[in-house]
Amino acid sequence: MVEEQVILVNEKDEQIGTMAKMEAHEKAVLHRAFSVFVFNDTNQLLLQQRAATKYHSPLLWTNTCCSHQRVGETNIEAGKRRLFEEMGFVTELKDVLSFIYKAPFDNGLTEHELDHVLVGSYDDNPNINSEEVEAFKWMTLEEVKSDMQKRPELYTEWFKIIFDRFYTHINKAKV
């Protein structure tokens, strides 16, 4: 099986090459990624708990889904693909912002990503892929913010960064 490739980018989000995903995380090389935030009609955010078998951040709570774009794939196409793979549904998404972050993990890997934040809406429960997702829950942004302040160790690093820096943008961007 061929290892998944990530798209290496510069700070302007221009593609400069590709690299095996694990190698990019070992070398902390800047690459393109996306994070999907799905809300229901009562303004609750769909969170997922990452599967226990994930190579980093297992069993931590995070946004609806996230991953890496494939070569030739738009941010929206990638978001819809991964949303279906992890959460079992597809919905319209809007690309609302992007930012660069770097987060080292205890296992020696580092996420160094130019992350595109995608927002959508959905009013049913997901059909989760148990190889990717341990559990899910719906929470208001205020509930997430409060819980994240009390128990930050339960959340992924990128989710905490997005939530801290872009809380108002996400709140306003709901589709």
C-alpha atoms as a PDB file:
ATOM      1  CA  MET A   1       0.000   0.000   0.000  1.00  0.00           C
ATOM      2  CA  VAL A   2       1.366   3.415  -0.985  1.00  0.00           C
ATOM      3  CA  GLU A   3       1.649   5.855   1.905  1.00  0.00           C
ATOM      4  CA  GLU A   4      -0.610   8.885   1.703  1.00  0.00           C
ATOM      5  CA  GLN A   5       1.116  12.001   0.374  1.00  0.00           C
ATOM      6  CA  VAL A   6       0.645  15.534   1.701  1.00  0.00           C
ATOM      7  CA  ILE A   7       1.007  18.712  -0.341  1.00  0.00           C
ATOM      8  CA  LEU A   8       3.989  20.787   0.722  1.00  0.00           C
ATOM      9  CA  VAL A   9       3.323  24.523   0.523  1.00  0.00           C
ATOM     10  CA  ASN A  10       4.996  27.831   1.186  1.00  0.00           C
ATOM     11  CA  GLU A  11       3.470  30.500   3.440  1.00  0.00           C
ATOM     12  CA  LYS A  12       1.398  31.782   0.471  1.00  0.00           C
ATOM     13  CA  ASP A  13      -0.240  28.324   0.120  1.00  0.00           C
ATOM     14  CA  GLU A  14       1.568  27.688  -3.162  1.00  0.00           C
ATOM     15  CA  GLN A  15       2.373  24.015  -3.769  1.00  0.00           C
ATOM     16  CA  ILE A  16       6.108  23.325  -3.718  1.00  0.00           C
ATOM     17  CA  GLY A  17       6.053  19.520  -3.713  1.00  0.00           C
ATOM     18  CA  THR A  18       4.672  16.422  -2.019  1.00  0.00           C
ATOM     19  CA  MET A  19       5.934  14.149   0.741  1.00  0.00           C
ATOM     20  CA  ALA A  20       4.795  11.038   2.536  1.00  0.00           C
ATOM     21  CA  LYS A  21       2.472  12.078   5.370  1.00  0.00           C
ATOM     22  CA  MET A  22       4.479  10.429   8.151  1.00  0.00           C
ATOM     23  CA  GLU A  23       7.756  11.885   6.866  1.00  0.00           C
ATOM     24  CA  ALA A  24       6.208  15.388   6.762  1.00  0.00           C
ATOM     25  CA  HIS A  25       5.113  14.994  10.375  1.00  0.00           C
ATOM     26  CA  GLU A  26       8.517  13.634  11.421  1.00  0.00           C
ATOM     27  CA  LYS A  27      10.349  16.540   9.729  1.00  0.00           C
ATOM     28  CA  ALA A  28       7.761  19.209  10.688  1.00  0.00           C
ATOM     29  CA  VAL A  29       7.492  20.379   7.069  1.00  0.00           C
ATOM     30  CA  LEU A  30       4.762  22.916   6.224  1.00  0.00           C
ATOM     31  CA  HIS A  31       1.914  21.231   4.362  1.00  0.00           C
ATOM     32  CA  ARG A  32      -1.705  21.911   3.398  1.00  0.00           C
ATOM     33  CA  ALA A  33      -4.556  20.660   5.599  1.00  0.00           C
ATOM     34  CA  PHE A  34      -8.180  21.381   6.406  1.00  0.00           C
ATOM     35  CA  SER A  35     -10.467  21.369   9.429  1.00  0.00           C
ATOM     36  CA  VAL A  36     -14.232  20.974   9.018  1.00  0.00           C
ATOM     37  CA  PHE A  37     -16.750  22.504  11.434  1.00  0.00           C
ATOM     38  CA  VAL A  38     -20.364  21.318  10.997  1.00  0.00           C
ATOM     39  CA  PHE A  39     -23.255  22.957  12.861  1.00  0.00           C
ATOM     40  CA  ASN A  40     -26.871  21.874  13.252  1.00  0.00           C
ATOM     41  CA  ASP A  41     -29.928  24.122  13.122  1.00  0.00           C
ATOM     42  CA  THR A  42     -29.721  24.752  16.880  1.00  0.00           C
ATOM     43  CA  ASN A  43     -26.182  26.146  16.497  1.00  0.00           C
ATOM     44  CA  GLN A  44     -24.461  23.138  18.018  1.00  0.00           C
ATOM     45  CA  LEU A  45     -21.068  22.043  16.682  1.00  0.00           C
ATOM     46  CA  LEU A  46     -20.533  18.376  15.813  1.00  0.00           C
ATOM     47  CA  LEU A  47     -17.394  17.174  17.623  1.00  0.00           C
ATOM     48  CA  GLN A  48     -15.618  13.892  17.176  1.00  0.00           C
ATOM     49  CA  GLN A  49     -13.443  11.933  19.549  1.00  0.00           C
ATOM     50  CA  ARG A  50     -10.493  10.578  17.591  1.00  0.00           C
ATOM     51  CA  ALA A  51     -10.160   6.786  17.489  1.00  0.00           C
ATOM     52  CA  ALA A  52      -7.851   5.079  19.972  1.00  0.00           C
ATOM     53  CA  THR A  53      -5.725   3.783  17.063  1.00  0.00           C
ATOM     54  CA  LYS A  54      -4.790   7.241  15.689  1.00  0.00           C
ATOM     55  CA  TYR A  55      -1.019   7.774  15.435  1.00  0.00           C
ATOM     56  CA  HIS A  56      -1.292  11.047  17.341  1.00  0.00           C
ATOM     57  CA  SER A  57      -3.913  12.650  19.583  1.00  0.00           C
ATOM     58  CA  PRO A  58      -5.879   9.402  20.119  1.00  0.00           C
ATOM     59  CA  LEU A  59      -9.153   9.719  22.052  1.00  0.00           C
ATOM     60  CA  LEU A  60      -8.989  13.521  22.098  1.00  0.00           C
ATOM     61  CA  TRP A  61     -12.014  15.618  21.138  1.00  0.00           C
ATOM     62  CA  THR A  62     -11.773  17.813  18.081  1.00  0.00           C
ATOM     63  CA  ASN A  63     -13.757  19.533  15.337  1.00  0.00           C
ATOM     64  CA  THR A  64     -16.061  17.528  13.056  1.00  0.00           C
ATOM     65  CA  CYS A  65     -13.226  16.176  10.898  1.00  0.00           C
ATOM     66  CA  CYS A  66      -9.851  17.130   9.486  1.00  0.00           C
ATOM     67  CA  SER A  67      -7.243  15.779   7.118  1.00  0.00           C
ATOM     68  CA  HIS A  68      -5.049  16.647   4.148  1.00  0.00           C
ATOM     69  CA  GLN A  69      -5.944  17.566   0.591  1.00  0.00           C
ATOM     70  CA  ARG A  70      -4.789  15.296  -2.210  1.00  0.00           C
ATOM     71  CA  VAL A  71      -2.978  16.600  -5.287  1.00  0.00           C
ATOM     72  CA  GLY A  72      -5.526  18.142  -7.654  1.00  0.00           C
ATOM     73  CA  GLU A  73      -8.269  18.247  -5.022  1.00  0.00           C
ATOM     74  CA  THR A  74      -9.855  21.540  -3.922  1.00  0.00           C
ATOM     75  CA  ASN A  75     -10.275  22.327  -0.236  1.00  0.00           C
ATOM     76  CA  ILE A  76     -14.038  21.795  -0.532  1.00  0.00           C
ATOM     77  CA  GLU A  77     -13.663  18.478  -2.400  1.00  0.00           C
ATOM     78  CA  ALA A  78     -11.199  17.263   0.225  1.00  0.00           C
ATOM     79  CA  GLY A  79     -13.458  18.350   3.079  1.00  0.00           C
ATOM     80  CA  LYS A  80     -16.478  16.569   1.602  1.00  0.00           C
ATOM     81  CA  ARG A  81     -14.446  13.408   0.907  1.00  0.00           C
ATOM     82  CA  ARG A  82     -13.090  13.203   4.431  1.00  0.00           C
ATOM     83  CA  LEU A  83     -16.380  14.163   6.052  1.00  0.00           C
ATOM     84  CA  PHE A  84     -17.970  11.159   4.339  1.00  0.00           C
ATOM     85  CA  GLU A  85     -15.016   8.845   5.183  1.00  0.00           C
ATOM     86  CA  GLU A  86     -15.009   9.754   8.882  1.00  0.00           C
ATOM     87  CA  MET A  87     -18.571  10.836   9.688  1.00  0.00           C
ATOM     88  CA  GLY A  88     -20.664   9.095   7.005  1.00  0.00           C
ATOM     89  CA  PHE A  89     -22.370  12.117   5.462  1.00  0.00           C
ATOM     90  CA  VAL A  90     -21.732  14.954   3.010  1.00  0.00           C
ATOM     91  CA  THR A  91     -22.944  18.538   3.177  1.00  0.00           C
ATOM     92  CA  GLU A  92     -22.145  21.833   1.499  1.00  0.00           C
ATOM     93  CA  LEU A  93     -19.021  23.492   2.903  1.00  0.00           C
ATOM     94  CA  LYS A  94     -17.707  27.043   2.839  1.00  0.00           C
ATOM     95  CA  ASP A  95     -13.954  27.857   2.999  1.00  0.00           C
ATOM     96  CA  VAL A  96     -13.884  30.645   5.604  1.00  0.00           C
ATOM     97  CA  LEU A  97     -10.250  31.199   6.560  1.00  0.00           C
ATOM     98  CA  SER A  98      -6.760  29.730   6.660  1.00  0.00           C
ATOM     99  CA  PHE A  99      -3.810  30.025   9.021  1.00  0.00           C
ATOM    100  CA  ILE A 100      -0.449  28.427   9.772  1.00  0.00           C
ATOM    101  CA  TYR A 101       0.285  26.609  13.010  1.00  0.00           C
ATOM    102  CA  LYS A 102       2.934  24.304  14.417  1.00  0.00           C
ATOM    103  CA  ALA A 103       2.217  21.815  17.207  1.00  0.00           C
ATOM    104  CA  PRO A 104       4.677  19.173  18.462  1.00  0.00           C
ATOM    105  CA  PHE A 105       3.357  15.921  19.973  1.00  0.00           C
ATOM    106  CA  ASP A 106       4.692  13.627  22.691  1.00  0.00           C
ATOM    107  CA  ASN A 107       5.474  10.905  20.130  1.00  0.00           C
ATOM    108  CA  GLY A 108       8.064  13.063  18.321  1.00  0.00           C
ATOM    109  CA  LEU A 109       5.766  14.052  15.441  1.00  0.00           C
ATOM    110  CA  THR A 110       4.871  17.654  14.634  1.00  0.00           C
ATOM    111  CA  GLU A 111       1.903  19.139  12.813  1.00  0.00           C
ATOM    112  CA  HIS A 112       3.082  22.127  10.770  1.00  0.00           C
ATOM    113  CA  GLU A 113       0.122  23.021   8.644  1.00  0.00           C
ATOM    114  CA  LEU A 114      -1.442  25.695   6.544  1.00  0.00           C
ATOM    115  CA  ASP A 115      -4.948  24.814   7.677  1.00  0.00           C
ATOM    116  CA  HIS A 116      -8.118  25.766   5.782  1.00  0.00           C
ATOM    117  CA  VAL A 117     -11.179  26.041   8.022  1.00  0.00           C
ATOM    118  CA  LEU A 118     -14.344  24.783   6.290  1.00  0.00           C
ATOM    119  CA  VAL A 119     -17.833  25.316   7.729  1.00  0.00           C
ATOM    120  CA  GLY A 120     -21.095  23.524   6.928  1.00  0.00           C
ATOM    121  CA  SER A 121     -24.443  22.529   8.386  1.00  0.00           C
ATOM    122  CA  TYR A 122     -26.170  19.189   8.985  1.00  0.00           C
ATOM    123  CA  ASP A 123     -29.166  18.273  11.124  1.00  0.00           C
ATOM    124  CA  ASP A 124     -28.844  14.545  11.711  1.00  0.00           C
ATOM    125  CA  ASN A 125     -26.482  12.318  13.641  1.00  0.00           C
ATOM    126  CA  PRO A 126     -23.451  10.999  11.763  1.00  0.00           C
ATOM    127  CA  ASN A 127     -22.757   7.394  10.862  1.00  0.00           C
ATOM    128  CA  ILE A 128     -19.205   7.304  12.226  1.00  0.00           C
ATOM    129  CA  ASN A 129     -16.373   5.182  10.862  1.00  0.00           C
ATOM    130  CA  SER A 130     -15.075   3.403  13.981  1.00  0.00           C
ATOM    131  CA  GLU A 131     -11.586   3.093  12.489  1.00  0.00           C
ATOM    132  CA  GLU A 132     -11.346   6.904  12.514  1.00  0.00           C
ATOM    133  CA  VAL A 133     -13.793   8.093  15.167  1.00  0.00           C
ATOM    134  CA  GLU A 134     -14.412   6.769  18.681  1.00  0.00           C
ATOM    135  CA  ALA A 135     -17.502   8.870  19.456  1.00  0.00           C
ATOM    136  CA  PHE A 136     -19.314  12.089  18.610  1.00  0.00           C
ATOM    137  CA  LYS A 137     -21.334  14.751  20.394  1.00  0.00           C
ATOM    138  CA  TRP A 138     -23.088  18.026  19.651  1.00  0.00           C
ATOM    139  CA  MET A 139     -22.152  21.077  21.767  1.00  0.00           C
ATOM    140  CA  THR A 140     -22.760  24.799  21.514  1.00  0.00           C
ATOM    141  CA  LEU A 141     -19.661  26.931  21.000  1.00  0.00           C
ATOM    142  CA  GLU A 142     -20.134  28.329  24.504  1.00  0.00           C
ATOM    143  CA  GLU A 143     -20.205  24.800  25.949  1.00  0.00           C
ATOM    144  CA  VAL A 144     -17.050  23.898  24.022  1.00  0.00           C
ATOM    145  CA  LYS A 145     -15.310  27.085  25.136  1.00  0.00           C
ATOM    146  CA  SER A 146     -16.196  26.467  28.790  1.00  0.00           C
ATOM    147  CA  ASP A 147     -15.181  22.788  28.725  1.00  0.00           C
ATOM    148  CA  MET A 148     -11.959  23.585  26.868  1.00  0.00           C
ATOM    149  CA  GLN A 149     -11.008  26.093  29.574  1.00  0.00           C
ATOM    150  CA  LYS A 150     -11.720  23.572  32.340  1.00  0.00           C
ATOM    151  CA  ARG A 151     -10.237  20.489  30.663  1.00  0.00           C
ATOM    152  CA  PRO A 152      -7.871  21.510  27.822  1.00  0.00           C
ATOM    153  CA  GLU A 153      -6.119  18.129  27.940  1.00  0.00           C
ATOM    154  CA  LEU A 154      -9.222  16.510  26.385  1.00  0.00           C
ATOM    155  CA  TYR A 155      -8.905  18.465  23.102  1.00  0.00           C
ATOM    156  CA  THR A 156      -6.551  18.342  20.114  1.00  0.00           C
ATOM    157  CA  GLU A 157      -3.937  21.050  19.767  1.00  0.00           C
ATOM    158  CA  TRP A 158      -5.210  22.335  16.417  1.00  0.00           C
ATOM    159  CA  PHE A 159      -8.779  22.537  17.685  1.00  0.00           C
ATOM    160  CA  LYS A 160      -7.646  24.600  20.684  1.00  0.00           C
ATOM    161  CA  ILE A 161      -5.648  26.905  18.377  1.00  0.00           C
ATOM    162  CA  ILE A 162      -8.540  27.364  15.938  1.00  0.00           C
ATOM    163  CA  PHE A 163     -10.991  27.891  18.755  1.00  0.00           C
ATOM    164  CA  ASP A 164      -8.760  30.397  20.544  1.00  0.00           C
ATOM    165  CA  ARG A 165      -7.781  32.442  17.467  1.00  0.00           C
ATOM    166  CA  PHE A 166     -10.892  32.207  15.313  1.00  0.00           C
ATOM    167  CA  TYR A 167     -13.845  31.681  17.650  1.00  0.00           C
ATOM    168  CA  THR A 168     -15.703  34.761  16.372  1.00  0.00           C
ATOM    169  CA  HIS A 169     -15.017  33.918  12.702  1.00  0.00           C
ATOM    170  CA  ILE A 170     -16.352  30.383  13.104  1.00  0.00           C
ATOM    171  CA  ASN A 171     -19.390  31.654  14.983  1.00  0.00           C
ATOM    172  CA  LYS A 172     -20.206  34.153  12.216  1.00  0.00           C
ATOM    173  CA  ALA A 173     -19.421  31.751   9.361  1.00  0.00           C
ATOM    174  CA  LYS A 174     -22.120  29.201  10.042  1.00  0.00           C
ATOM    175  CA  VAL A 175     -23.811  28.292   6.763  1.00  0.00           C
END
